[in-house]
Amino acid sequence: MLILFGTKGYLYQLAILTLVCGRCGNPAAHTLRKRVTKFTLFFVPLFPISTKYATQCTFCGAESKLSAEEAEQLQTQANAGGGTGGQVQGGQAPQQPYHQ
C-alpha cells in the first residue's frame, strides 16, 4: 500500500499599507502577507503546520517578518483606514500556492 503525504504552501495577501521602509527609508506601499504550510495526504490539504507573517516593501523588495499580533494590528489598521499608515487596499485576496 502506498501512502502519499507532504506539504503545500499557501500565500494570502491580507492588506496593502503605506509604511516607511526600514531598509530604503521610503514611504511606500507594503503588502501584508500570511504564509501557511499545510500537511497533505493524497494531495488533500488537511491541517496547517506552519503560519508566518511578513510585510514586503514594493519599492525595494525588503521583507520584514512579523508576529501574529503585529500582523493583526496592521490588518486592523488597514481595514479601519486610520492610524499612522493610511489604507491603500484592505481585505483578503484568494489563496495562491507558493513554492518554497
Protein backbone atom coordinates (compact mmCIF):
# COMPACT_ATOMS: atom_id res chain seq x y z
CA MET A 1 0.00 0.00 0.00
CA LEU A 2 1.35 3.41 -1.00
CA ILE A 3 0.59 6.45 1.18
CA LEU A 4 1.26 9.83 -0.38
CA PHE A 5 1.83 12.72 2.00
CA GLY A 6 3.67 16.01 2.07
CA THR A 7 3.16 19.75 2.44
CA LYS A 8 1.71 22.54 0.33
CA GLY A 9 2.19 26.26 0.81
CA TYR A 10 -0.44 28.96 0.50
CA LEU A 11 0.14 32.71 0.31
CA TYR A 12 -2.58 35.10 1.46
CA GLN A 13 -2.38 38.84 0.84
CA LEU A 14 -4.09 40.39 3.85
CA ALA A 15 -3.69 44.12 3.10
CA ILE A 16 -1.61 46.79 1.42
CA LEU A 17 -0.39 49.58 3.71
CA THR A 18 1.68 52.71 3.26
CA LEU A 19 4.62 52.42 5.67
CA VAL A 20 8.14 53.82 5.88
CA CYS A 21 10.54 51.07 4.83
CA GLY A 22 13.20 50.17 7.38
CA ARG A 23 15.72 49.39 4.63
CA CYS A 24 15.31 52.07 1.95
CA GLY A 25 13.61 54.73 4.12
CA ASN A 26 10.93 55.48 1.52
CA PRO A 27 7.26 55.84 2.45
CA ALA A 28 5.99 53.12 0.13
CA ALA A 29 3.24 50.55 -0.18
CA HIS A 30 3.91 47.36 1.78
CA THR A 31 1.99 44.14 1.29
CA LEU A 32 0.98 42.31 4.45
CA ARG A 33 1.17 38.58 3.73
CA LYS A 34 0.43 35.35 5.54
CA ARG A 35 2.18 32.13 4.51
CA VAL A 36 0.53 28.90 5.61
CA THR A 37 2.08 25.46 5.12
CA LYS A 38 -0.43 22.62 5.30
CA PHE A 39 0.07 18.88 5.72
CA THR A 40 -1.37 16.96 2.77
CA LEU A 41 -2.49 13.36 2.49
CA PHE A 42 -3.11 12.07 -1.03
CA PHE A 43 -2.77 15.70 -2.28
CA VAL A 44 -5.60 16.88 0.04
CA PRO A 45 -4.56 19.69 2.42
CA LEU A 46 -5.65 18.63 5.91
CA PHE A 47 -4.32 21.00 8.56
CA PRO A 48 -1.83 23.87 8.90
CA ILE A 49 1.59 23.04 10.32
CA SER A 50 3.18 26.49 9.98
CA THR A 51 1.89 30.07 9.76
CA LYS A 52 4.20 33.05 9.18
CA TYR A 53 3.50 36.74 8.65
CA ALA A 54 5.59 39.35 6.82
CA THR A 55 5.45 42.72 5.11
CA GLN A 56 7.24 43.42 1.84
CA CYS A 57 8.20 46.84 0.53
CA THR A 58 7.01 47.36 -3.04
CA PHE A 59 9.79 49.91 -3.64
CA CYS A 60 12.93 47.92 -2.73
CA GLY A 61 11.53 44.42 -2.08
CA ALA A 62 12.74 44.20 1.54
CA GLU A 63 10.75 41.72 3.61
CA SER A 64 10.21 42.01 7.37
CA LYS A 65 8.92 39.15 9.49
CA LEU A 66 6.11 39.89 11.95
CA SER A 67 4.48 38.15 14.88
CA ALA A 68 0.82 37.17 14.61
CA GLU A 69 -0.10 40.02 16.98
CA GLU A 70 1.77 42.63 14.92
CA ALA A 71 0.14 41.35 11.72
CA GLU A 72 -3.30 41.50 13.30
CA GLN A 73 -2.69 45.12 14.41
CA LEU A 74 -1.60 46.13 10.91
CA GLN A 75 -4.57 44.38 9.32
CA THR A 76 -6.97 46.09 11.74
CA GLN A 77 -5.30 49.42 10.94
CA ALA A 78 -5.66 48.78 7.18
CA ASN A 79 -9.32 47.79 7.45
CA ALA A 80 -10.12 50.82 9.63
CA GLY A 81 -8.25 53.17 7.29
CA GLY A 82 -6.75 55.10 10.19
CA GLY A 83 -3.55 55.19 12.19
CA THR A 84 -0.06 56.09 11.05
CA GLY A 85 -0.08 54.15 7.78
CA GLY A 86 -3.04 55.00 5.59
CA GLN A 87 -5.04 52.31 3.88
CA VAL A 88 -4.42 51.76 0.21
CA GLN A 89 -6.27 48.48 -0.08
CA GLY A 90 -7.61 46.09 2.53
CA GLY A 91 -9.23 42.69 2.66
CA GLN A 92 -8.07 39.22 1.86
CA ALA A 93 -7.15 38.02 -1.60
CA PRO A 94 -7.89 34.48 -2.75
CA GLN A 95 -5.34 31.90 -1.69
CA GLN A 96 -2.48 31.22 -4.02
CA PRO A 97 0.03 28.38 -3.77
CA TYR A 98 3.65 29.42 -3.44
CA HIS A 99 6.83 27.48 -3.98
CA GLN A 100 9.36 27.12 -1.18
